[in-house]
């Protein structure tokens, strides 16, 4: 089982994240196993979540409802700023892709 980390931006300096078990049918997770509100940055969410996910090797990360990748939990903890930049860039690229007809 690989957990799903969902990060959402609340306002300019406030982020929240949830950790969920993956759905067996590929649908988005139905309910959170863990919720943390009010962290000050995307990187802070990654770092905080990594500390809670030490029993897992990897985590699937979603930002604002879009899957932005899968990363090793140790990388989230040790390189949270770099991973945050990578994931936000990927999120922005995903927004630029026109929907398939």
PDB file of N, CA and C in Angstrom:
ATOM      1  N   UNK A   1       0.832  -1.183   0.000  1.00  0.00           N
ATOM      2  CA  UNK A   1       0.000   0.000   0.000  1.00  0.00           C
ATOM      3  C   UNK A   1       0.876   1.247   0.000  1.00  0.00           C
ATOM      4  N   UNK A   2       0.541   2.172  -0.861  1.00  0.00           N
ATOM      5  CA  UNK A   2       1.256   3.437  -0.932  1.00  0.00           C
ATOM      6  C   UNK A   2       0.273   4.547  -0.575  1.00  0.00           C
ATOM      7  N   UNK A   3       0.580   5.349   0.435  1.00  0.00           N
ATOM      8  CA  UNK A   3      -0.343   6.412   0.829  1.00  0.00           C
ATOM      9  C   UNK A   3      -0.403   7.535  -0.216  1.00  0.00           C
ATOM     10  N   UNK A   4      -1.466   8.313  -0.127  1.00  0.00           N
ATOM     11  CA  UNK A   4      -1.665   9.469  -0.997  1.00  0.00           C
ATOM     12  C   UNK A   4      -1.608  10.716  -0.121  1.00  0.00           C
ATOM     13  N   UNK A   5      -0.729  11.635  -0.490  1.00  0.00           N
ATOM     14  CA  UNK A   5      -0.580  12.915   0.196  1.00  0.00           C
ATOM     15  C   UNK A   5      -1.224  13.983  -0.674  1.00  0.00           C
ATOM     16  N   UNK A   6      -2.257  14.627  -0.175  1.00  0.00           N
ATOM     17  CA  UNK A   6      -2.973  15.686  -0.895  1.00  0.00           C
ATOM     18  C   UNK A   6      -2.663  17.014  -0.219  1.00  0.00           C
ATOM     19  N   UNK A   7      -2.106  17.947  -0.986  1.00  0.00           N
ATOM     20  CA  UNK A   7      -1.771  19.277  -0.453  1.00  0.00           C
ATOM     21  C   UNK A   7      -2.665  20.303  -1.132  1.00  0.00           C
ATOM     22  N   UNK A   8      -3.179  21.225  -0.341  1.00  0.00           N
ATOM     23  CA  UNK A   8      -4.010  22.318  -0.870  1.00  0.00           C
ATOM     24  C   UNK A   8      -3.547  23.641  -0.290  1.00  0.00           C
ATOM     25  N   UNK A   9      -3.614  24.666  -1.123  1.00  0.00           N
ATOM     26  CA  UNK A   9      -3.255  26.016  -0.698  1.00  0.00           C
ATOM     27  C   UNK A   9      -4.512  26.697  -0.184  1.00  0.00           C
ATOM     28  N   UNK A  10      -4.452  27.182   1.052  1.00  0.00           N
ATOM     29  CA  UNK A  10      -5.601  27.866   1.646  1.00  0.00           C
ATOM     30  C   UNK A  10      -5.594  29.352   1.316  1.00  0.00           C
ATOM     31  N   UNK A  11      -4.432  29.979   1.413  1.00  0.00           N
ATOM     32  CA  UNK A  11      -4.240  31.374   1.016  1.00  0.00           C
ATOM     33  C   UNK A  11      -2.748  31.582   0.765  1.00  0.00           C
ATOM     34  N   UNK A  12      -2.298  32.821   0.636  1.00  0.00           N
ATOM     35  CA  UNK A  12      -0.904  33.082   0.264  1.00  0.00           C
ATOM     36  C   UNK A  12       0.125  32.424   1.163  1.00  0.00           C
ATOM     37  N   UNK A  13      -0.141  32.305   2.434  1.00  0.00           N
ATOM     38  CA  UNK A  13       0.865  31.740   3.338  1.00  0.00           C
ATOM     39  C   UNK A  13       0.293  30.636   4.222  1.00  0.00           C
ATOM     40  N   UNK A  14      -0.674  29.903   3.695  1.00  0.00           N
ATOM     41  CA  UNK A  14      -1.274  28.839   4.486  1.00  0.00           C
ATOM     42  C   UNK A  14      -1.622  27.651   3.590  1.00  0.00           C
ATOM     43  N   UNK A  15      -1.122  26.483   3.977  1.00  0.00           N
ATOM     44  CA  UNK A  15      -1.342  25.245   3.248  1.00  0.00           C
ATOM     45  C   UNK A  15      -1.880  24.201   4.212  1.00  0.00           C
ATOM     46  N   UNK A  16      -2.570  23.234   3.658  1.00  0.00           N
ATOM     47  CA  UNK A  16      -3.061  22.110   4.440  1.00  0.00           C
ATOM     48  C   UNK A  16      -2.757  20.826   3.687  1.00  0.00           C
ATOM     49  N   UNK A  17      -2.661  19.737   4.415  1.00  0.00           N
ATOM     50  CA  UNK A  17      -2.479  18.462   3.732  1.00  0.00           C
ATOM     51  C   UNK A  17      -3.254  17.370   4.441  1.00  0.00           C
ATOM     52  N   UNK A  18      -3.570  16.340   3.662  1.00  0.00           N
ATOM     53  CA  UNK A  18      -4.202  15.141   4.194  1.00  0.00           C
ATOM     54  C   UNK A  18      -3.416  13.930   3.699  1.00  0.00           C
ATOM     55  N   UNK A  19      -3.449  12.884   4.477  1.00  0.00           N
ATOM     56  CA  UNK A  19      -2.859  11.612   4.075  1.00  0.00           C
ATOM     57  C   UNK A  19      -3.989  10.590   4.057  1.00  0.00           C
ATOM     58  N   UNK A  20      -4.077   9.863   2.945  1.00  0.00           N
ATOM     59  CA  UNK A  20      -5.144   8.875   2.765  1.00  0.00           C
ATOM     60  C   UNK A  20      -4.568   7.565   2.270  1.00  0.00           C
ATOM     61  N   UNK A  21      -5.314   6.519   2.510  1.00  0.00           N
ATOM     62  CA  UNK A  21      -4.992   5.228   1.905  1.00  0.00           C
ATOM     63  C   UNK A  21      -5.489   5.267   0.470  1.00  0.00           C
ATOM     64  N   UNK A  22      -4.791   4.622  -0.452  1.00  0.00           N
ATOM     65  CA  UNK A  22      -5.249   4.635  -1.843  1.00  0.00           C
ATOM     66  C   UNK A  22      -6.523   3.816  -2.006  1.00  0.00           C
ATOM     67  N   UNK A  23      -7.315   4.187  -2.982  1.00  0.00           N
ATOM     68  CA  UNK A  23      -8.526   3.437  -3.302  1.00  0.00           C
ATOM     69  C   UNK A  23      -8.140   2.212  -4.125  1.00  0.00           C
ATOM     70  N   UNK A  24      -8.787   1.107  -3.896  1.00  0.00           N
ATOM     71  CA  UNK A  24      -8.453  -0.122  -4.620  1.00  0.00           C
ATOM     72  C   UNK A  24      -8.868  -0.080  -6.085  1.00  0.00           C
ATOM     73  N   UNK A  25      -9.836   0.775  -6.436  1.00  0.00           N
ATOM     74  CA  UNK A  25     -10.303   0.837  -7.826  1.00  0.00           C
ATOM     75  C   UNK A  25      -9.700   1.994  -8.616  1.00  0.00           C
ATOM     76  N   UNK A  26      -8.716   2.688  -8.036  1.00  0.00           N
ATOM     77  CA  UNK A  26      -8.067   3.785  -8.740  1.00  0.00           C
ATOM     78  C   UNK A  26      -8.760   5.123  -8.573  1.00  0.00           C
ATOM     79  N   UNK A  27      -9.917   5.157  -7.929  1.00  0.00           N
ATOM     80  CA  UNK A  27     -10.629   6.411  -7.693  1.00  0.00           C
ATOM     81  C   UNK A  27      -9.905   7.203  -6.607  1.00  0.00           C
ATOM     82  N   UNK A  28     -10.146   8.506  -6.527  1.00  0.00           N
ATOM     83  CA  UNK A  28      -9.521   9.293  -5.460  1.00  0.00           C
ATOM     84  C   UNK A  28      -9.898   8.741  -4.086  1.00  0.00           C
ATOM     85  N   UNK A  29      -9.002   8.867  -3.113  1.00  0.00           N
ATOM     86  CA  UNK A  29      -9.297   8.377  -1.762  1.00  0.00           C
ATOM     87  C   UNK A  29     -10.563   9.018  -1.211  1.00  0.00           C
ATOM     88  N   UNK A  30     -11.313   8.255  -0.445  1.00  0.00           N
ATOM     89  CA  UNK A  30     -12.600   8.744   0.037  1.00  0.00           C
ATOM     90  C   UNK A  30     -12.513   9.559   1.323  1.00  0.00           C
ATOM     91  N   UNK A  31     -11.613   9.218   2.222  1.00  0.00           N
ATOM     92  CA  UNK A  31     -11.529   9.979   3.463  1.00  0.00           C
ATOM     93  C   UNK A  31     -10.086   9.995   3.969  1.00  0.00           C
ATOM     94  N   UNK A  32      -9.775  11.042   4.695  1.00  0.00           N
ATOM     95  CA  UNK A  32      -8.415  11.241   5.180  1.00  0.00           C
ATOM     96  C   UNK A  32      -8.138  10.403   6.416  1.00  0.00           C
ATOM     97  N   UNK A  33      -6.923   9.882   6.479  1.00  0.00           N
ATOM     98  CA  UNK A  33      -6.451   9.191   7.679  1.00  0.00           C
ATOM     99  C   UNK A  33      -5.792  10.189   8.628  1.00  0.00           C
ATOM    100  N   UNK A  34      -5.292  11.284   8.054  1.00  0.00           N
ATOM    101  CA  UNK A  34      -4.585  12.301   8.839  1.00  0.00           C
ATOM    102  C   UNK A  34      -4.777  13.645   8.156  1.00  0.00           C
ATOM    103  N   UNK A  35      -4.985  14.690   8.932  1.00  0.00           N
ATOM    104  CA  UNK A  35      -5.162  16.044   8.398  1.00  0.00           C
ATOM    105  C   UNK A  35      -4.316  16.997   9.218  1.00  0.00           C
ATOM    106  N   UNK A  36      -3.610  17.904   8.532  1.00  0.00           N
ATOM    107  CA  UNK A  36      -2.872  18.967   9.212  1.00  0.00           C
ATOM    108  C   UNK A  36      -3.254  20.277   8.542  1.00  0.00           C
ATOM    109  N   UNK A  37      -3.709  21.235   9.308  1.00  0.00           N
ATOM    110  CA  UNK A  37      -4.152  22.519   8.773  1.00  0.00           C
ATOM    111  C   UNK A  37      -3.169  23.630   9.106  1.00  0.00           C
ATOM    112  N   UNK A  38      -3.022  24.574   8.198  1.00  0.00           N
ATOM    113  CA  UNK A  38      -2.339  25.811   8.505  1.00  0.00           C
ATOM    114  C   UNK A  38      -0.828  25.835   8.494  1.00  0.00           C
ATOM    115  N   UNK A  39      -0.165  24.999   7.696  1.00  0.00           N
ATOM    116  CA  UNK A  39       1.283  25.108   7.570  1.00  0.00           C
ATOM    117  C   UNK A  39       1.605  26.275   6.642  1.00  0.00           C
ATOM    118  N   UNK A  40       2.804  26.811   6.744  1.00  0.00           N
ATOM    119  CA  UNK A  40       3.127  28.056   6.056  1.00  0.00           C
ATOM    120  C   UNK A  40       3.650  27.911   4.637  1.00  0.00           C
ATOM    121  N   UNK A  41       3.958  26.695   4.197  1.00  0.00           N
ATOM    122  CA  UNK A  41       4.459  26.528   2.828  1.00  0.00           C
ATOM    123  C   UNK A  41       4.205  25.108   2.328  1.00  0.00           C
ATOM    124  N   UNK A  42       4.325  24.960   1.028  1.00  0.00           N
ATOM    125  CA  UNK A  42       4.222  23.652   0.390  1.00  0.00           C
ATOM    126  C   UNK A  42       5.319  22.742   0.930  1.00  0.00           C
ATOM    127  N   UNK A  43       6.536  23.278   1.012  1.00  0.00           N
ATOM    128  CA  UNK A  43       7.671  22.498   1.529  1.00  0.00           C
ATOM    129  C   UNK A  43       7.441  22.067   2.971  1.00  0.00           C
ATOM    130  N   UNK A  44       6.833  22.928   3.774  1.00  0.00           N
ATOM    131  CA  UNK A  44       6.544  22.572   5.170  1.00  0.00           C
ATOM    132  C   UNK A  44       5.566  21.398   5.231  1.00  0.00           C
ATOM    133  N   UNK A  45       4.606  21.356   4.319  1.00  0.00           N
ATOM    134  CA  UNK A  45       3.672  20.224   4.256  1.00  0.00           C
ATOM    135  C   UNK A  45       4.419  18.945   3.913  1.00  0.00           C
ATOM    136  N   UNK A  46       5.317  19.016   2.931  1.00  0.00           N
ATOM    137  CA  UNK A  46       6.088  17.839   2.545  1.00  0.00           C
ATOM    138  C   UNK A  46       6.923  17.319   3.706  1.00  0.00           C
ATOM    139  N   UNK A  47       7.605  18.228   4.382  1.00  0.00           N
ATOM    140  CA  UNK A  47       8.477  17.849   5.495  1.00  0.00           C
ATOM    141  C   UNK A  47       7.667  17.258   6.642  1.00  0.00           C
ATOM    142  N   UNK A  48       6.574  17.912   7.000  1.00  0.00           N
ATOM    143  CA  UNK A  48       5.742  17.436   8.100  1.00  0.00           C
ATOM    144  C   UNK A  48       5.137  16.064   7.782  1.00  0.00           C
ATOM    145  N   UNK A  49       4.627  15.919   6.568  1.00  0.00           N
ATOM    146  CA  UNK A  49       4.034  14.641   6.167  1.00  0.00           C
ATOM    147  C   UNK A  49       5.086  13.530   6.167  1.00  0.00           C
ATOM    148  N   UNK A  50       6.294  13.832   5.723  1.00  0.00           N
ATOM    149  CA  UNK A  50       7.360  12.826   5.699  1.00  0.00           C
ATOM    150  C   UNK A  50       7.636  12.278   7.091  1.00  0.00           C
ATOM    151  N   UNK A  51       7.563  13.133   8.080  1.00  0.00           N
ATOM    152  CA  UNK A  51       7.798  12.685   9.451  1.00  0.00           C
ATOM    153  C   UNK A  51       6.701  11.733   9.927  1.00  0.00           C
ATOM    154  N   UNK A  52       5.493  11.901   9.385  1.00  0.00           N
ATOM    155  CA  UNK A  52       4.388  11.021   9.757  1.00  0.00           C
ATOM    156  C   UNK A  52       4.366   9.738   8.931  1.00  0.00           C
ATOM    157  N   UNK A  53       5.108   9.709   7.819  1.00  0.00           N
ATOM    158  CA  UNK A  53       5.064   8.582   6.887  1.00  0.00           C
ATOM    159  C   UNK A  53       6.345   7.748   6.898  1.00  0.00           C
ATOM    160  N   UNK A  54       7.056   7.741   7.988  1.00  0.00           N
ATOM    161  CA  UNK A  54       8.353   7.065   8.041  1.00  0.00           C
ATOM    162  C   UNK A  54       8.281   5.567   7.782  1.00  0.00           C
ATOM    163  N   UNK A  55       7.122   4.944   7.945  1.00  0.00           N
ATOM    164  CA  UNK A  55       6.996   3.507   7.707  1.00  0.00           C
ATOM    165  C   UNK A  55       6.802   3.174   6.230  1.00  0.00           C
ATOM    166  N   UNK A  56       6.677   4.182   5.395  1.00  0.00           N
ATOM    167  CA  UNK A  56       6.461   3.976   3.968  1.00  0.00           C
ATOM    168  C   UNK A  56       7.691   4.398   3.180  1.00  0.00           C
ATOM    169  N   UNK A  57       7.945   3.696   2.092  1.00  0.00           N
ATOM    170  CA  UNK A  57       9.083   4.031   1.249  1.00  0.00           C
ATOM    171  C   UNK A  57       8.739   5.204   0.321  1.00  0.00           C
ATOM    172  N   UNK A  58       7.568   5.145  -0.308  1.00  0.00           N
ATOM    173  CA  UNK A  58       7.150   6.185  -1.257  1.00  0.00           C
ATOM    174  C   UNK A  58       5.746   6.668  -0.943  1.00  0.00           C
ATOM    175  N   UNK A  59       5.427   7.834  -1.482  1.00  0.00           N
ATOM    176  CA  UNK A  59       4.100   8.414  -1.334  1.00  0.00           C
ATOM    177  C   UNK A  59       3.703   9.046  -2.668  1.00  0.00           C
ATOM    178  N   UNK A  60       2.436   8.918  -3.023  1.00  0.00           N
ATOM    179  CA  UNK A  60       1.881   9.562  -4.215  1.00  0.00           C
ATOM    180  C   UNK A  60       1.391  10.946  -3.778  1.00  0.00           C
ATOM    181  N   UNK A  61       1.783  11.981  -4.512  1.00  0.00           N
ATOM    182  CA  UNK A  61       1.476  13.350  -4.095  1.00  0.00           C
ATOM    183  C   UNK A  61       0.513  14.006  -5.073  1.00  0.00           C
ATOM    184  N   UNK A  62      -0.532  14.597  -4.517  1.00  0.00           N
ATOM    185  CA  UNK A  62      -1.503  15.369  -5.291  1.00  0.00           C
ATOM    186  C   UNK A  62      -1.446  16.810  -4.784  1.00  0.00           C
ATOM    187  N   UNK A  63      -1.554  17.760  -5.716  1.00  0.00           N
ATOM    188  CA  UNK A  63      -1.623  19.172  -5.337  1.00  0.00           C
ATOM    189  C   UNK A  63      -2.860  19.766  -5.994  1.00  0.00           C
ATOM    190  N   UNK A  64      -3.731  20.315  -5.196  1.00  0.00           N
ATOM    191  CA  UNK A  64      -4.985  20.899  -5.687  1.00  0.00           C
ATOM    192  C   UNK A  64      -5.758  19.902  -6.551  1.00  0.00           C
ATOM    193  N   UNK A  65      -5.732  18.634  -6.161  1.00  0.00           N
ATOM    194  CA  UNK A  65      -6.502  17.608  -6.857  1.00  0.00           C
ATOM    195  C   UNK A  65      -5.820  16.984  -8.058  1.00  0.00           C
ATOM    196  N   UNK A  66      -4.614  17.429  -8.400  1.00  0.00           N
ATOM    197  CA  UNK A  66      -3.897  16.899  -9.558  1.00  0.00           C
ATOM    198  C   UNK A  66      -2.698  16.087  -9.077  1.00  0.00           C
ATOM    199  N   UNK A  67      -2.550  14.879  -9.597  1.00  0.00           N
ATOM    200  CA  UNK A  67      -1.398  14.049  -9.244  1.00  0.00           C
ATOM    201  C   UNK A  67      -0.139  14.688  -9.823  1.00  0.00           C
ATOM    202  N   UNK A  68       0.823  14.982  -8.951  1.00  0.00           N
ATOM    203  CA  UNK A  68       2.060  15.626  -9.396  1.00  0.00           C
ATOM    204  C   UNK A  68       3.281  14.734  -9.221  1.00  0.00           C
ATOM    205  N   UNK A  69       3.074  13.490  -8.828  1.00  0.00           N
ATOM    206  CA  UNK A  69       4.204  12.575  -8.786  1.00  0.00           C
ATOM    207  C   UNK A  69       4.251  11.686  -7.578  1.00  0.00           C
ATOM    208  N   UNK A  70       5.270  10.856  -7.614  1.00  0.00           N
ATOM    209  CA  UNK A  70       5.522   9.895  -6.558  1.00  0.00           C
ATOM    210  C   UNK A  70       6.964  10.114  -6.110  1.00  0.00           C
ATOM    211  N   UNK A  71       7.187  10.195  -4.814  1.00  0.00           N
ATOM    212  CA  UNK A  71       8.537  10.445  -4.308  1.00  0.00           C
ATOM    213  C   UNK A  71       8.831   9.597  -3.086  1.00  0.00           C
ATOM    214  N   UNK A  72      10.116   9.372  -2.872  1.00  0.00           N
ATOM    215  CA  UNK A  72      10.560   8.678  -1.674  1.00  0.00           C
ATOM    216  C   UNK A  72      10.293   9.572  -0.465  1.00  0.00           C
ATOM    217  N   UNK A  73       9.782   8.987   0.589  1.00  0.00           N
ATOM    218  CA  UNK A  73       9.470   9.737   1.802  1.00  0.00           C
ATOM    219  C   UNK A  73      10.726  10.399   2.368  1.00  0.00           C
ATOM    220  N   UNK A  74      11.865   9.724   2.303  1.00  0.00           N
ATOM    221  CA  UNK A  74      13.104  10.320   2.823  1.00  0.00           C
ATOM    222  C   UNK A  74      13.483  11.575   2.058  1.00  0.00           C
ATOM    223  N   UNK A  75      13.190  11.608   0.770  1.00  0.00           N
ATOM    224  CA  UNK A  75      13.490  12.816  -0.021  1.00  0.00           C
ATOM    225  C   UNK A  75      12.579  13.976   0.398  1.00  0.00           C
ATOM    226  N   UNK A  76      11.334  13.675   0.719  1.00  0.00           N
ATOM    227  CA  UNK A  76      10.430  14.735   1.179  1.00  0.00           C
ATOM    228  C   UNK A  76      10.958  15.372   2.457  1.00  0.00           C
ATOM    229  N   UNK A  77      11.509  14.543   3.310  1.00  0.00           N
ATOM    230  CA  UNK A  77      12.011  15.059   4.583  1.00  0.00           C
ATOM    231  C   UNK A  77      13.339  15.793   4.416  1.00  0.00           C
ATOM    232  N   UNK A  78      14.245  15.237   3.628  1.00  0.00           N
ATOM    233  CA  UNK A  78      15.592  15.798   3.519  1.00  0.00           C
ATOM    234  C   UNK A  78      15.752  16.884   2.466  1.00  0.00           C
ATOM    235  N   UNK A  79      14.866  16.915   1.472  1.00  0.00           N
ATOM    236  CA  UNK A  79      14.981  17.883   0.381  1.00  0.00           C
ATOM    237  C   UNK A  79      13.628  18.528   0.085  1.00  0.00           C
ATOM    238  N   UNK A  80      12.902  18.886   1.112  1.00  0.00           N
ATOM    239  CA  UNK A  80      11.525  19.359   0.936  1.00  0.00           C
ATOM    240  C   UNK A  80      11.427  20.605   0.057  1.00  0.00           C
ATOM    241  N   UNK A  81      12.366  21.527   0.162  1.00  0.00           N
ATOM    242  CA  UNK A  81      12.316  22.744  -0.668  1.00  0.00           C
ATOM    243  C   UNK A  81      12.476  22.400  -2.154  1.00  0.00           C
ATOM    244  N   UNK A  82      13.448  21.557  -2.483  1.00  0.00           N
ATOM    245  CA  UNK A  82      13.684  21.174  -3.880  1.00  0.00           C
ATOM    246  C   UNK A  82      12.500  20.393  -4.443  1.00  0.00           C
ATOM    247  N   UNK A  83      11.971  19.459  -3.659  1.00  0.00           N
ATOM    248  CA  UNK A  83      10.824  18.675  -4.107  1.00  0.00           C
ATOM    249  C   UNK A  83       9.611  19.587  -4.311  1.00  0.00           C
ATOM    250  N   UNK A  84       9.412  20.526  -3.425  1.00  0.00           N
ATOM    251  CA  UNK A  84       8.289  21.468  -3.562  1.00  0.00           C
ATOM    252  C   UNK A  84       8.389  22.236  -4.874  1.00  0.00           C
ATOM    253  N   UNK A  85       9.576  22.719  -5.203  1.00  0.00           N
ATOM    254  CA  UNK A  85       9.754  23.444  -6.474  1.00  0.00           C
ATOM    255  C   UNK A  85       9.442  22.538  -7.670  1.00  0.00           C
ATOM    256  N   UNK A  86       9.927  21.298  -7.633  1.00  0.00           N
ATOM    257  CA  UNK A  86       9.667  20.350  -8.721  1.00  0.00           C
ATOM    258  C   UNK A  86       8.175  20.079  -8.884  1.00  0.00           C
ATOM    259  N   UNK A  87       7.495  19.849  -7.769  1.00  0.00           N
ATOM    260  CA  UNK A  87       6.080  19.494  -7.828  1.00  0.00           C
ATOM    261  C   UNK A  87       5.212  20.666  -8.269  1.00  0.00           C
ATOM    262  N   UNK A  88       5.538  21.856  -7.820  1.00  0.00           N
ATOM    263  CA  UNK A  88       4.772  23.034  -8.254  1.00  0.00           C
ATOM    264  C   UNK A  88       4.985  23.273  -9.741  1.00  0.00           C
ATOM    265  N   UNK A  89       6.211  23.093 -10.226  1.00  0.00           N
ATOM    266  CA  UNK A  89       6.474  23.236 -11.661  1.00  0.00           C
ATOM    267  C   UNK A  89       5.675  22.205 -12.460  1.00  0.00           C
ATOM    268  N   UNK A  90       5.625  20.979 -11.958  1.00  0.00           N
ATOM    269  CA  UNK A  90       4.854  19.939 -12.653  1.00  0.00           C
ATOM    270  C   UNK A  90       3.372  20.277 -12.646  1.00  0.00           C
ATOM    271  N   UNK A  91       2.873  20.770 -11.526  1.00  0.00           N
ATOM    272  CA  UNK A  91       1.471  21.179 -11.422  1.00  0.00           C
ATOM    273  C   UNK A  91       1.162  22.264 -12.464  1.00  0.00           C
ATOM    274  N   UNK A  92       2.046  23.244 -12.558  1.00  0.00           N
ATOM    275  CA  UNK A  92       1.826  24.332 -13.524  1.00  0.00           C
ATOM    276  C   UNK A  92       1.862  23.817 -14.959  1.00  0.00           C
ATOM    277  N   UNK A  93       2.742  22.848 -15.254  1.00  0.00           N
ATOM    278  CA  UNK A  93       2.769  22.245 -16.595  1.00  0.00           C
ATOM    279  C   UNK A  93       1.474  21.488 -16.871  1.00  0.00           C
ATOM    280  N   UNK A  94       0.959  20.789 -15.867  1.00  0.00           N
ATOM    281  CA  UNK A  94      -0.301  20.044 -16.038  1.00  0.00           C
ATOM    282  C   UNK A  94      -1.458  20.977 -16.351  1.00  0.00           C
ATOM    283  N   UNK A  95      -1.438  22.162 -15.767  1.00  0.00           N
ATOM    284  CA  UNK A  95      -2.512  23.125 -16.030  1.00  0.00           C
ATOM    285  C   UNK A  95      -2.460  23.666 -17.452  1.00  0.00           C
ATOM    286  N   UNK A  96      -1.272  23.677 -18.041  1.00  0.00           N
ATOM    287  CA  UNK A  96      -1.100  24.196 -19.401  1.00  0.00           C
ATOM    288  C   UNK A  96      -1.516  23.210 -20.479  1.00  0.00           C
ATOM    289  N   UNK A  97      -1.601  21.931 -20.160  1.00  0.00           N
ATOM    290  CA  UNK A  97      -1.937  20.904 -21.158  1.00  0.00           C
ATOM    291  C   UNK A  97      -3.429  20.994 -21.471  1.00  0.00           C
ATOM    292  N   UNK A  98      -3.771  21.206 -22.760  1.00  0.00           N
ATOM    293  CA  UNK A  98      -5.198  21.250 -23.105  1.00  0.00           C
ATOM    294  C   UNK A  98      -5.821  19.862 -22.943  1.00  0.00           C
ATOM    295  N   UNK A  99      -7.101  19.812 -22.545  1.00  0.00           N
ATOM    296  CA  UNK A  99      -7.754  18.514 -22.387  1.00  0.00           C
ATOM    297  C   UNK A  99      -7.830  17.765 -23.708  1.00  0.00           C
ATOM    298  N   UNK A 100      -7.750  16.438 -23.614  1.00  0.00           N
ATOM    299  CA  UNK A 100      -7.830  15.601 -24.819  1.00  0.00           C
ATOM    300  C   UNK A 100      -9.281  15.536 -25.300  1.00  0.00           C
ATOM    301  N   UNK A 101      -9.458  15.626 -26.608  1.00  0.00           N
ATOM    302  CA  UNK A 101     -10.819  15.592 -27.176  1.00  0.00           C
ATOM    303  C   UNK A 101     -11.249  14.201 -27.483  1.00  0.00           C
TER     304      UNK A 101
END
